[in-house]
Amino acid sequence: MTSHPNKNGWIRFTRSALHAGAEVLDASGTALSEEIALFARDWVDCLNAGGKLLFFGNGGSQADAQHLSGELVNRYRKNRRGLPALALGSSSPVLTSVANDDSFEQVFAREVEAFGRAGDLAIGLSTSGSSPNVVLALKKAIELGLGTQAFTGKAGGPVARAANRALRVPSEETPLIQQAHLAIGHILCDLVESEIFPEGDS
């Protein structure tokens, strides 16, 4: 087997990248623990009151929205009943028809209007904090009486300003922000599941 000419460089890069991600997670733990607990309280209160969670974002944030809704509908650690959570933008016919007939900026707001009810919780994810379709969806949610939360990067931007609560990951690098968003999302799922189902299935 021939030696890979870039092996040592790739190993150094991998270590550096993993350390950078760990540093952002550590900084998030210091800066955001209290806010994460408040986010979890909102999720629990919404679900216990019969509401549902609506997640939405673009690109990798859309993947995170689907990931987190899947953890809640199915299970995270415990065998228990499903919890009501939706990832908006997951239906390509809905997404493309709204984008075609109106504009891409309205794709999430239209689904909030269709599926959201007062007492639900709308959760927008945007690493840049500047996604117009996420901002408009959060504003529509507030108009309809939903609670609102935002996951963003350090800048926060109009997405953070449009939400009742915002988690601003202390980084300006999209991949590191996305890694932290998913890690925080997992923590929230764990807290929610433990609070609503302390004895397991219910």
Protein backbone atom coordinates (compact mmCIF):
# COMPACT_ATOMS: atom_id res chain seq x y z
CA MET A 1 0.00 0.00 0.00
CA THR A 2 1.45 3.36 -1.03
CA SER A 3 1.78 6.17 1.45
CA HIS A 4 -0.72 9.03 1.07
CA PRO A 5 1.33 12.17 0.32
CA ASN A 6 -1.10 14.44 2.21
CA LYS A 7 -1.76 12.15 5.18
CA ASN A 8 0.11 14.15 7.83
CA GLY A 9 -1.35 17.43 6.63
CA TRP A 10 -4.85 15.99 6.69
CA ILE A 11 -4.30 14.65 10.21
CA ARG A 12 -3.18 18.10 11.40
CA PHE A 13 -6.16 19.72 9.70
CA THR A 14 -8.58 17.22 11.25
CA ARG A 15 -7.22 17.80 14.74
CA SER A 16 -7.38 21.57 14.28
CA ALA A 17 -10.94 21.42 12.97
CA LEU A 18 -12.13 19.22 15.82
CA HIS A 19 -10.43 21.46 18.38
CA ALA A 20 -12.08 24.53 16.82
CA GLY A 21 -15.49 22.88 17.10
CA ALA A 22 -14.81 21.90 20.69
CA GLU A 23 -13.82 25.48 21.53
CA VAL A 24 -17.11 26.83 20.15
CA LEU A 25 -19.07 24.22 22.11
CA ASP A 26 -17.15 25.10 25.27
CA ALA A 27 -17.79 28.81 24.72
CA SER A 28 -21.46 28.06 24.09
CA GLY A 29 -21.66 26.14 27.35
CA THR A 30 -20.32 29.18 29.21
CA ALA A 31 -22.39 31.81 27.39
CA LEU A 32 -25.65 30.03 26.61
CA SER A 33 -26.47 27.53 29.38
CA GLU A 34 -29.05 29.79 31.02
CA GLU A 35 -30.70 30.61 27.70
CA ILE A 36 -30.76 26.92 26.72
CA ALA A 37 -32.63 26.17 29.94
CA LEU A 38 -35.16 28.88 29.06
CA PHE A 39 -35.55 27.42 25.57
CA ALA A 40 -36.21 24.01 27.10
CA ARG A 41 -38.81 25.48 29.45
CA ASP A 42 -40.61 27.02 26.48
CA TRP A 43 -40.60 23.69 24.63
CA VAL A 44 -41.94 21.80 27.65
CA ASP A 45 -44.62 24.39 28.41
CA CYS A 46 -45.77 24.45 24.78
CA LEU A 47 -45.97 20.67 24.50
CA ASN A 48 -47.63 20.19 27.89
CA ALA A 49 -50.29 22.72 26.89
CA GLY A 50 -51.11 20.75 23.74
CA GLY A 51 -49.10 22.91 21.35
CA LYS A 52 -46.57 21.89 18.72
CA LEU A 53 -43.11 22.95 17.67
CA LEU A 54 -42.53 24.32 14.16
CA PHE A 55 -38.89 24.28 12.99
CA PHE A 56 -37.60 25.97 9.84
CA GLY A 57 -34.40 27.10 8.15
CA ASN A 58 -32.46 26.99 4.89
CA GLY A 59 -29.83 24.52 3.70
CA GLY A 60 -28.03 22.93 6.62
CA SER A 61 -30.45 24.64 8.99
CA GLN A 62 -33.32 22.95 7.15
CA ALA A 63 -31.56 19.63 7.72
CA ASP A 64 -31.28 20.50 11.42
CA ALA A 65 -34.99 21.39 11.49
CA GLN A 66 -35.84 17.95 10.10
CA HIS A 67 -33.39 16.25 12.44
CA LEU A 68 -34.82 17.85 15.58
CA SER A 69 -38.44 17.29 14.59
CA GLY A 70 -37.56 13.63 13.99
CA GLU A 71 -36.03 13.28 17.46
CA LEU A 72 -39.23 14.63 19.02
CA VAL A 73 -41.80 12.81 16.90
CA ASN A 74 -40.02 9.48 17.28
CA ARG A 75 -37.68 9.34 20.29
CA TYR A 76 -34.42 10.72 21.59
CA ARG A 77 -33.36 8.35 24.37
CA LYS A 78 -36.62 7.00 25.77
CA ASN A 79 -39.41 4.86 24.42
CA ARG A 80 -42.42 7.17 24.77
CA ARG A 81 -45.33 8.62 22.83
CA GLY A 82 -44.55 10.92 19.94
CA LEU A 83 -44.36 14.66 20.48
CA PRO A 84 -45.87 17.05 17.89
CA ALA A 85 -43.11 18.72 15.90
CA LEU A 86 -42.94 19.74 12.24
CA ALA A 87 -40.07 20.77 9.96
CA LEU A 88 -41.54 23.39 7.65
CA GLY A 89 -40.29 23.40 4.08
CA SER A 90 -40.11 19.61 3.91
CA SER A 91 -42.83 19.30 1.25
CA SER A 92 -41.33 20.11 -2.15
CA PRO A 93 -44.76 20.74 -3.79
CA VAL A 94 -45.67 23.26 -1.08
CA LEU A 95 -42.22 24.87 -1.10
CA THR A 96 -42.01 25.25 -4.87
CA SER A 97 -45.60 26.37 -5.35
CA VAL A 98 -45.24 29.16 -2.79
CA ALA A 99 -41.85 30.17 -4.20
CA ASN A 100 -43.25 30.17 -7.74
CA ASP A 101 -46.61 31.83 -7.11
CA ASP A 102 -45.43 34.33 -4.49
CA SER A 103 -41.76 34.42 -3.51
CA PHE A 104 -39.15 32.31 -1.76
CA GLU A 105 -39.22 34.79 1.09
CA GLN A 106 -42.76 33.62 1.92
CA VAL A 107 -42.20 29.85 1.94
CA PHE A 108 -42.04 29.45 5.73
CA ALA A 109 -44.49 32.22 6.60
CA ARG A 110 -47.14 30.54 4.47
CA GLU A 111 -46.70 27.25 6.32
CA VAL A 112 -46.74 29.01 9.69
CA GLU A 113 -50.05 30.51 8.59
CA ALA A 114 -51.35 27.09 7.52
CA PHE A 115 -50.18 24.98 10.47
CA GLY A 116 -49.46 27.37 13.33
CA ARG A 117 -51.97 28.05 16.08
CA ALA A 118 -51.82 30.34 19.09
CA GLY A 119 -49.79 28.59 21.77
CA ASP A 120 -47.52 26.79 19.31
CA LEU A 121 -43.81 27.59 19.18
CA ALA A 122 -42.07 28.71 15.96
CA ILE A 123 -38.32 28.03 15.93
CA GLY A 124 -36.22 29.60 13.19
CA LEU A 125 -32.67 28.46 12.48
CA SER A 126 -30.23 30.71 10.61
CA THR A 127 -26.45 30.63 10.94
CA SER A 128 -26.15 34.10 9.38
CA GLY A 129 -29.12 35.55 11.23
CA SER A 130 -30.15 37.34 8.06
CA SER A 131 -32.43 34.89 6.21
CA PRO A 132 -35.45 36.93 5.02
CA ASN A 133 -37.78 33.92 4.86
CA VAL A 134 -36.97 33.00 8.46
CA VAL A 135 -37.55 36.59 9.61
CA LEU A 136 -40.93 36.77 7.85
CA ALA A 137 -42.00 33.43 9.31
CA LEU A 138 -41.14 34.59 12.83
CA LYS A 139 -43.08 37.81 12.30
CA LYS A 140 -46.07 35.85 10.98
CA ALA A 141 -45.88 33.57 14.02
CA ILE A 142 -45.99 36.53 16.40
CA GLU A 143 -48.94 37.97 14.45
CA LEU A 144 -50.81 34.68 14.96
CA GLY A 145 -50.03 34.38 18.68
CA LEU A 146 -47.24 31.80 18.55
CA GLY A 147 -44.15 31.93 20.72
CA THR A 148 -40.91 32.41 18.80
CA GLN A 149 -37.29 31.34 19.18
CA ALA A 150 -34.20 31.68 17.00
CA PHE A 151 -30.95 29.76 16.64
CA THR A 152 -28.27 32.01 15.10
CA GLY A 153 -24.57 32.74 15.10
CA LYS A 154 -22.77 35.44 17.03
CA ALA A 155 -24.17 38.33 14.99
CA GLY A 156 -27.79 37.41 15.68
CA GLY A 157 -29.05 39.77 13.00
CA PRO A 158 -32.68 40.39 12.08
CA VAL A 159 -33.58 36.75 12.79
CA ALA A 160 -32.57 37.09 16.45
CA ARG A 161 -34.30 40.45 16.71
CA ALA A 162 -37.52 39.01 15.29
CA ALA A 163 -37.79 36.27 17.95
CA ASN A 164 -38.86 36.35 21.60
CA ARG A 165 -35.71 34.42 22.51
CA ALA A 166 -32.46 33.83 20.62
CA LEU A 167 -29.51 31.50 21.06
CA ARG A 168 -26.49 33.22 19.48
CA VAL A 169 -23.67 30.72 19.13
CA PRO A 170 -20.39 32.61 19.77
CA SER A 171 -18.88 32.05 16.33
CA GLU A 172 -18.98 33.62 12.90
CA GLU A 173 -18.07 30.42 10.99
CA THR A 174 -21.07 28.68 9.46
CA PRO A 175 -19.86 25.05 9.91
CA LEU A 176 -19.02 25.64 13.59
CA ILE A 177 -22.34 27.37 14.21
CA GLN A 178 -24.19 24.47 12.60
CA GLN A 179 -22.31 21.96 14.74
CA ALA A 180 -23.25 23.88 17.86
CA HIS A 181 -26.89 24.24 16.78
CA LEU A 182 -27.24 20.48 16.47
CA ALA A 183 -25.46 19.83 19.78
CA ILE A 184 -27.73 22.35 21.53
CA GLY A 185 -30.76 20.86 19.80
CA HIS A 186 -29.85 17.45 21.17
CA ILE A 187 -29.52 18.89 24.67
CA LEU A 188 -32.97 20.46 24.34
CA CYS A 189 -34.50 17.17 23.17
CA ASP A 190 -32.89 15.43 26.14
CA LEU A 191 -34.22 18.01 28.62
CA VAL A 192 -37.71 17.94 27.13
CA GLU A 193 -37.90 14.16 27.11
CA SER A 194 -36.64 13.89 30.69
CA GLU A 195 -39.10 16.52 31.93
CA ILE A 196 -42.22 15.26 30.13
CA PHE A 197 -41.46 11.56 30.53
CA PRO A 198 -39.56 11.18 33.83
CA GLU A 199 -40.53 7.51 34.10
CA GLY A 200 -40.19 6.66 30.41
CA ASP A 201 -43.19 5.86 28.25
CA SER A 202 -46.45 7.67 28.96
